[in-house]
Amino acid sequence: MELGKRIECPVVAIHGNYDPHPAEGVERPLSAVLNNFRFVLLEKCGHSPWIERQAKEKFYEILEEELE
């Protein structure tokens, strides 16, 4: 988390609600150390949204929006 304090660019975490890593265990600590942080929780999604049938389209949609 100490290294996170040195990150100056925007950070977006795209997280699945079925991910074995609890969402709040990712969102809470990162939002505390990153100045420009956004958290997106995907429904019906585990740890690999870019290949999961239920979340793949939404993941790439969010990713494209963030890269514009």
PDB file of N, CA and C in Angstrom:
ATOM      1  N   MET A   1       0.824  -1.190   0.000  1.00  0.00           N
ATOM      2  CA  MET A   1       0.000   0.000   0.000  1.00  0.00           C
ATOM      3  C   MET A   1       0.872   1.259   0.000  1.00  0.00           C
ATOM      4  N   GLU A   2       2.054   1.161   0.551  1.00  0.00           N
ATOM      5  CA  GLU A   2       2.952   2.322   0.547  1.00  0.00           C
ATOM      6  C   GLU A   2       3.288   2.742  -0.881  1.00  0.00           C
ATOM      7  N   LEU A   3       3.512   1.786  -1.764  1.00  0.00           N
ATOM      8  CA  LEU A   3       3.813   2.113  -3.162  1.00  0.00           C
ATOM      9  C   LEU A   3       2.621   2.802  -3.836  1.00  0.00           C
ATOM     10  N   GLY A   4       1.423   2.442  -3.441  1.00  0.00           N
ATOM     11  CA  GLY A   4       0.224   3.056  -4.005  1.00  0.00           C
ATOM     12  C   GLY A   4       0.182   4.554  -3.793  1.00  0.00           C
ATOM     13  N   LYS A   5       0.748   5.023  -2.728  1.00  0.00           N
ATOM     14  CA  LYS A   5       0.762   6.461  -2.443  1.00  0.00           C
ATOM     15  C   LYS A   5       1.583   7.231  -3.463  1.00  0.00           C
ATOM     16  N   ARG A   6       2.441   6.549  -4.191  1.00  0.00           N
ATOM     17  CA  ARG A   6       3.288   7.207  -5.189  1.00  0.00           C
ATOM     18  C   ARG A   6       2.662   7.205  -6.578  1.00  0.00           C
ATOM     19  N   ILE A   7       1.546   6.533  -6.755  1.00  0.00           N
ATOM     20  CA  ILE A   7       0.874   6.478  -8.065  1.00  0.00           C
ATOM     21  C   ILE A   7       0.147   7.787  -8.306  1.00  0.00           C
ATOM     22  N   GLU A   8       0.418   8.410  -9.433  1.00  0.00           N
ATOM     23  CA  GLU A   8      -0.170   9.707  -9.738  1.00  0.00           C
ATOM     24  C   GLU A   8      -1.225   9.645 -10.840  1.00  0.00           C
ATOM     25  N   CYS A   9      -1.256   8.571 -11.605  1.00  0.00           N
ATOM     26  CA  CYS A   9      -2.219   8.461 -12.705  1.00  0.00           C
ATOM     27  C   CYS A   9      -3.542   7.896 -12.182  1.00  0.00           C
ATOM     28  N   PRO A  10      -4.624   8.078 -12.939  1.00  0.00           N
ATOM     29  CA  PRO A  10      -5.910   7.503 -12.542  1.00  0.00           C
ATOM     30  C   PRO A  10      -5.840   5.972 -12.528  1.00  0.00           C
ATOM     31  N   VAL A  11      -6.545   5.372 -11.584  1.00  0.00           N
ATOM     32  CA  VAL A  11      -6.598   3.914 -11.469  1.00  0.00           C
ATOM     33  C   VAL A  11      -8.063   3.490 -11.425  1.00  0.00           C
ATOM     34  N   VAL A  12      -8.401   2.491 -12.227  1.00  0.00           N
ATOM     35  CA  VAL A  12      -9.743   1.919 -12.215  1.00  0.00           C
ATOM     36  C   VAL A  12      -9.618   0.429 -11.920  1.00  0.00           C
ATOM     37  N   ALA A  13     -10.311  -0.023 -10.897  1.00  0.00           N
ATOM     38  CA  ALA A  13     -10.354  -1.447 -10.569  1.00  0.00           C
ATOM     39  C   ALA A  13     -11.693  -1.998 -11.058  1.00  0.00           C
ATOM     40  N   ILE A  14     -11.639  -2.976 -11.945  1.00  0.00           N
ATOM     41  CA  ILE A  14     -12.846  -3.639 -12.438  1.00  0.00           C
ATOM     42  C   ILE A  14     -12.876  -5.000 -11.752  1.00  0.00           C
ATOM     43  N   HIS A  15     -13.871  -5.204 -10.921  1.00  0.00           N
ATOM     44  CA  HIS A  15     -13.883  -6.355 -10.008  1.00  0.00           C
ATOM     45  C   HIS A  15     -15.198  -7.121 -10.145  1.00  0.00           C
ATOM     46  N   GLY A  16     -15.118  -8.436 -10.088  1.00  0.00           N
ATOM     47  CA  GLY A  16     -16.320  -9.260 -10.161  1.00  0.00           C
ATOM     48  C   GLY A  16     -16.920  -9.526  -8.799  1.00  0.00           C
ATOM     49  N   ASN A  17     -18.251  -9.554  -8.732  1.00  0.00           N
ATOM     50  CA  ASN A  17     -18.888  -9.786  -7.437  1.00  0.00           C
ATOM     51  C   ASN A  17     -18.754 -11.238  -6.970  1.00  0.00           C
ATOM     52  N   TYR A  18     -18.330 -12.158  -7.850  1.00  0.00           N
ATOM     53  CA  TYR A  18     -18.049 -13.544  -7.459  1.00  0.00           C
ATOM     54  C   TYR A  18     -16.546 -13.819  -7.334  1.00  0.00           C
ATOM     55  N   ASP A  19     -15.742 -12.788  -7.412  1.00  0.00           N
ATOM     56  CA  ASP A  19     -14.292 -12.945  -7.278  1.00  0.00           C
ATOM     57  C   ASP A  19     -13.982 -13.493  -5.881  1.00  0.00           C
ATOM     58  N   PRO A  20     -13.073 -14.463  -5.767  1.00  0.00           N
ATOM     59  CA  PRO A  20     -12.743 -14.987  -4.443  1.00  0.00           C
ATOM     60  C   PRO A  20     -12.094 -13.951  -3.518  1.00  0.00           C
ATOM     61  N   HIS A  21     -11.567 -12.884  -4.082  1.00  0.00           N
ATOM     62  CA  HIS A  21     -11.039 -11.783  -3.270  1.00  0.00           C
ATOM     63  C   HIS A  21     -12.208 -10.836  -2.991  1.00  0.00           C
ATOM     64  N   PRO A  22     -12.626 -10.646  -1.756  1.00  0.00           N
ATOM     65  CA  PRO A  22     -13.776  -9.790  -1.457  1.00  0.00           C
ATOM     66  C   PRO A  22     -13.598  -8.368  -1.998  1.00  0.00           C
ATOM     67  N   ALA A  23     -14.662  -7.853  -2.589  1.00  0.00           N
ATOM     68  CA  ALA A  23     -14.623  -6.533  -3.227  1.00  0.00           C
ATOM     69  C   ALA A  23     -14.190  -5.439  -2.257  1.00  0.00           C
ATOM     70  N   GLU A  24     -14.734  -5.447  -1.067  1.00  0.00           N
ATOM     71  CA  GLU A  24     -14.369  -4.366  -0.141  1.00  0.00           C
ATOM     72  C   GLU A  24     -12.925  -4.474   0.322  1.00  0.00           C
ATOM     73  N   GLY A  25     -12.349  -5.655   0.240  1.00  0.00           N
ATOM     74  CA  GLY A  25     -10.942  -5.825   0.570  1.00  0.00           C
ATOM     75  C   GLY A  25     -10.021  -5.272  -0.493  1.00  0.00           C
ATOM     76  N   VAL A  26     -10.578  -4.961  -1.647  1.00  0.00           N
ATOM     77  CA  VAL A  26      -9.835  -4.319  -2.733  1.00  0.00           C
ATOM     78  C   VAL A  26     -10.157  -2.822  -2.753  1.00  0.00           C
ATOM     79  N   GLU A  27     -11.449  -2.523  -2.748  1.00  0.00           N
ATOM     80  CA  GLU A  27     -11.881  -1.128  -2.877  1.00  0.00           C
ATOM     81  C   GLU A  27     -11.440  -0.251  -1.704  1.00  0.00           C
ATOM     82  N   ARG A  28     -11.660  -0.706  -0.515  1.00  0.00           N
ATOM     83  CA  ARG A  28     -11.388   0.118   0.665  1.00  0.00           C
ATOM     84  C   ARG A  28      -9.916   0.512   0.788  1.00  0.00           C
ATOM     85  N   PRO A  29      -8.982  -0.437   0.734  1.00  0.00           N
ATOM     86  CA  PRO A  29      -7.574  -0.035   0.886  1.00  0.00           C
ATOM     87  C   PRO A  29      -7.061   0.818  -0.273  1.00  0.00           C
ATOM     88  N   LEU A  30      -7.480   0.486  -1.503  1.00  0.00           N
ATOM     89  CA  LEU A  30      -6.994   1.267  -2.641  1.00  0.00           C
ATOM     90  C   LEU A  30      -7.553   2.684  -2.629  1.00  0.00           C
ATOM     91  N   SER A  31      -8.806   2.841  -2.276  1.00  0.00           N
ATOM     92  CA  SER A  31      -9.376   4.195  -2.235  1.00  0.00           C
ATOM     93  C   SER A  31      -8.733   5.046  -1.143  1.00  0.00           C
ATOM     94  N   ALA A  32      -8.143   4.400  -0.151  1.00  0.00           N
ATOM     95  CA  ALA A  32      -7.477   5.139   0.924  1.00  0.00           C
ATOM     96  C   ALA A  32      -6.110   5.673   0.514  1.00  0.00           C
ATOM     97  N   VAL A  33      -5.466   5.043  -0.465  1.00  0.00           N
ATOM     98  CA  VAL A  33      -4.111   5.481  -0.829  1.00  0.00           C
ATOM     99  C   VAL A  33      -4.001   6.106  -2.222  1.00  0.00           C
ATOM    100  N   LEU A  34      -4.979   5.883  -3.080  1.00  0.00           N
ATOM    101  CA  LEU A  34      -4.916   6.433  -4.440  1.00  0.00           C
ATOM    102  C   LEU A  34      -5.761   7.693  -4.536  1.00  0.00           C
ATOM    103  N   ASN A  35      -5.188   8.739  -5.083  1.00  0.00           N
ATOM    104  CA  ASN A  35      -5.915  10.006  -5.197  1.00  0.00           C
ATOM    105  C   ASN A  35      -7.007   9.967  -6.246  1.00  0.00           C
ATOM    106  N   ASN A  36      -6.740   9.303  -7.354  1.00  0.00           N
ATOM    107  CA  ASN A  36      -7.701   9.270  -8.459  1.00  0.00           C
ATOM    108  C   ASN A  36      -8.073   7.808  -8.709  1.00  0.00           C
ATOM    109  N   PHE A  37      -9.016   7.294  -7.910  1.00  0.00           N
ATOM    110  CA  PHE A  37      -9.373   5.887  -7.930  1.00  0.00           C
ATOM    111  C   PHE A  37     -10.872   5.708  -8.161  1.00  0.00           C
ATOM    112  N   ARG A  38     -11.177   4.748  -9.033  1.00  0.00           N
ATOM    113  CA  ARG A  38     -12.578   4.406  -9.293  1.00  0.00           C
ATOM    114  C   ARG A  38     -12.700   2.888  -9.231  1.00  0.00           C
ATOM    115  N   PHE A  39     -13.798   2.422  -8.656  1.00  0.00           N
ATOM    116  CA  PHE A  39     -14.034   0.988  -8.485  1.00  0.00           C
ATOM    117  C   PHE A  39     -15.321   0.619  -9.192  1.00  0.00           C
ATOM    118  N   VAL A  40     -15.271  -0.403 -10.042  1.00  0.00           N
ATOM    119  CA  VAL A  40     -16.453  -0.871 -10.763  1.00  0.00           C
ATOM    120  C   VAL A  40     -16.671  -2.338 -10.394  1.00  0.00           C
ATOM    121  N   LEU A  41     -17.864  -2.650  -9.910  1.00  0.00           N
ATOM    122  CA  LEU A  41     -18.191  -4.017  -9.535  1.00  0.00           C
ATOM    123  C   LEU A  41     -19.092  -4.622 -10.614  1.00  0.00           C
ATOM    124  N   LEU A  42     -18.638  -5.702 -11.224  1.00  0.00           N
ATOM    125  CA  LEU A  42     -19.399  -6.380 -12.274  1.00  0.00           C
ATOM    126  C   LEU A  42     -20.230  -7.514 -11.676  1.00  0.00           C
ATOM    127  N   GLU A  43     -21.488  -7.574 -12.081  1.00  0.00           N
ATOM    128  CA  GLU A  43     -22.396  -8.632 -11.642  1.00  0.00           C
ATOM    129  C   GLU A  43     -22.083  -9.941 -12.356  1.00  0.00           C
ATOM    130  N   LYS A  44     -22.374 -11.040 -11.685  1.00  0.00           N
ATOM    131  CA  LYS A  44     -22.220 -12.385 -12.252  1.00  0.00           C
ATOM    132  C   LYS A  44     -20.823 -12.596 -12.846  1.00  0.00           C
ATOM    133  N   CYS A  45     -19.824 -12.195 -12.094  1.00  0.00           N
ATOM    134  CA  CYS A  45     -18.464 -12.217 -12.604  1.00  0.00           C
ATOM    135  C   CYS A  45     -17.501 -12.637 -11.509  1.00  0.00           C
ATOM    136  N   GLY A  46     -16.514 -13.436 -11.899  1.00  0.00           N
ATOM    137  CA  GLY A  46     -15.481 -13.880 -10.964  1.00  0.00           C
ATOM    138  C   GLY A  46     -14.207 -13.073 -11.107  1.00  0.00           C
ATOM    139  N   HIS A  47     -13.092 -13.771 -11.208  1.00  0.00           N
ATOM    140  CA  HIS A  47     -11.774 -13.131 -11.198  1.00  0.00           C
ATOM    141  C   HIS A  47     -11.241 -12.780 -12.592  1.00  0.00           C
ATOM    142  N   SER A  48     -11.873 -13.286 -13.646  1.00  0.00           N
ATOM    143  CA  SER A  48     -11.371 -13.074 -15.013  1.00  0.00           C
ATOM    144  C   SER A  48     -12.468 -12.536 -15.926  1.00  0.00           C
ATOM    145  N   PRO A  49     -12.907 -11.298 -15.733  1.00  0.00           N
ATOM    146  CA  PRO A  49     -14.052 -10.776 -16.483  1.00  0.00           C
ATOM    147  C   PRO A  49     -13.850 -10.737 -18.000  1.00  0.00           C
ATOM    148  N   TRP A  50     -12.615 -10.625 -18.462  1.00  0.00           N
ATOM    149  CA  TRP A  50     -12.351 -10.535 -19.903  1.00  0.00           C
ATOM    150  C   TRP A  50     -12.637 -11.846 -20.630  1.00  0.00           C
ATOM    151  N   ILE A  51     -12.811 -12.941 -19.907  1.00  0.00           N
ATOM    152  CA  ILE A  51     -13.124 -14.217 -20.560  1.00  0.00           C
ATOM    153  C   ILE A  51     -14.432 -14.837 -20.061  1.00  0.00           C
ATOM    154  N   GLU A  52     -15.104 -14.200 -19.126  1.00  0.00           N
ATOM    155  CA  GLU A  52     -16.328 -14.765 -18.560  1.00  0.00           C
ATOM    156  C   GLU A  52     -17.548 -14.337 -19.368  1.00  0.00           C
ATOM    157  N   ARG A  53     -18.354 -15.319 -19.693  1.00  0.00           N
ATOM    158  CA  ARG A  53     -19.518 -15.109 -20.571  1.00  0.00           C
ATOM    159  C   ARG A  53     -20.444 -13.995 -20.072  1.00  0.00           C
ATOM    160  N   GLN A  54     -20.729 -13.962 -18.786  1.00  0.00           N
ATOM    161  CA  GLN A  54     -21.686 -12.995 -18.241  1.00  0.00           C
ATOM    162  C   GLN A  54     -21.134 -11.567 -18.142  1.00  0.00           C
ATOM    163  N   ALA A  55     -19.824 -11.406 -18.131  1.00  0.00           N
ATOM    164  CA  ALA A  55     -19.250 -10.084 -17.864  1.00  0.00           C
ATOM    165  C   ALA A  55     -18.352  -9.558 -18.973  1.00  0.00           C
ATOM    166  N   LYS A  56     -18.010 -10.391 -19.918  1.00  0.00           N
ATOM    167  CA  LYS A  56     -17.022 -10.041 -20.943  1.00  0.00           C
ATOM    168  C   LYS A  56     -17.366  -8.738 -21.683  1.00  0.00           C
ATOM    169  N   GLU A  57     -18.604  -8.626 -22.158  1.00  0.00           N
ATOM    170  CA  GLU A  57     -19.002  -7.424 -22.915  1.00  0.00           C
ATOM    171  C   GLU A  57     -18.889  -6.170 -22.057  1.00  0.00           C
ATOM    172  N   LYS A  58     -19.417  -6.230 -20.846  1.00  0.00           N
ATOM    173  CA  LYS A  58     -19.389  -5.068 -19.954  1.00  0.00           C
ATOM    174  C   LYS A  58     -17.950  -4.700 -19.596  1.00  0.00           C
ATOM    175  N   PHE A  59     -17.106  -5.693 -19.350  1.00  0.00           N
ATOM    176  CA  PHE A  59     -15.698  -5.434 -19.038  1.00  0.00           C
ATOM    177  C   PHE A  59     -15.035  -4.637 -20.156  1.00  0.00           C
ATOM    178  N   TYR A  60     -15.196  -5.096 -21.393  1.00  0.00           N
ATOM    179  CA  TYR A  60     -14.554  -4.402 -22.515  1.00  0.00           C
ATOM    180  C   TYR A  60     -15.174  -3.030 -22.768  1.00  0.00           C
ATOM    181  N   GLU A  61     -16.450  -2.902 -22.493  1.00  0.00           N
ATOM    182  CA  GLU A  61     -17.111  -1.591 -22.616  1.00  0.00           C
ATOM    183  C   GLU A  61     -16.484  -0.590 -21.635  1.00  0.00           C
ATOM    184  N   ILE A  62     -16.326  -1.008 -20.395  1.00  0.00           N
ATOM    185  CA  ILE A  62     -15.721  -0.147 -19.362  1.00  0.00           C
ATOM    186  C   ILE A  62     -14.271   0.163 -19.736  1.00  0.00           C
ATOM    187  N   LEU A  63     -13.543  -0.843 -20.160  1.00  0.00           N
ATOM    188  CA  LEU A  63     -12.143  -0.655 -20.526  1.00  0.00           C
ATOM    189  C   LEU A  63     -11.991   0.352 -21.665  1.00  0.00           C
ATOM    190  N   GLU A  64     -12.825   0.224 -22.696  1.00  0.00           N
ATOM    191  CA  GLU A  64     -12.773   1.169 -23.813  1.00  0.00           C
ATOM    192  C   GLU A  64     -13.087   2.593 -23.360  1.00  0.00           C
ATOM    193  N   GLU A  65     -14.088   2.765 -22.503  1.00  0.00           N
ATOM    194  CA  GLU A  65     -14.424   4.086 -21.999  1.00  0.00           C
ATOM    195  C   GLU A  65     -13.255   4.705 -21.229  1.00  0.00           C
ATOM    196  N   GLU A  66     -12.591   3.905 -20.443  1.00  0.00           N
ATOM    197  CA  GLU A  66     -11.472   4.396 -19.642  1.00  0.00           C
ATOM    198  C   GLU A  66     -10.265   4.772 -20.488  1.00  0.00           C
ATOM    199  N   LEU A  67     -10.093   4.116 -21.626  1.00  0.00           N
ATOM    200  CA  LEU A  67      -8.935   4.383 -22.467  1.00  0.00           C
ATOM    201  C   LEU A  67      -9.143   5.534 -23.437  1.00  0.00           C
ATOM    202  N   GLU A  68     -10.336   6.046 -23.524  1.00  0.00           N
ATOM    203  CA  GLU A  68     -10.616   7.177 -24.438  1.00  0.00           C
ATOM    204  C   GLU A  68      -9.971   8.449 -23.972  1.00  0.00           C
TER     205      GLU A  68
END
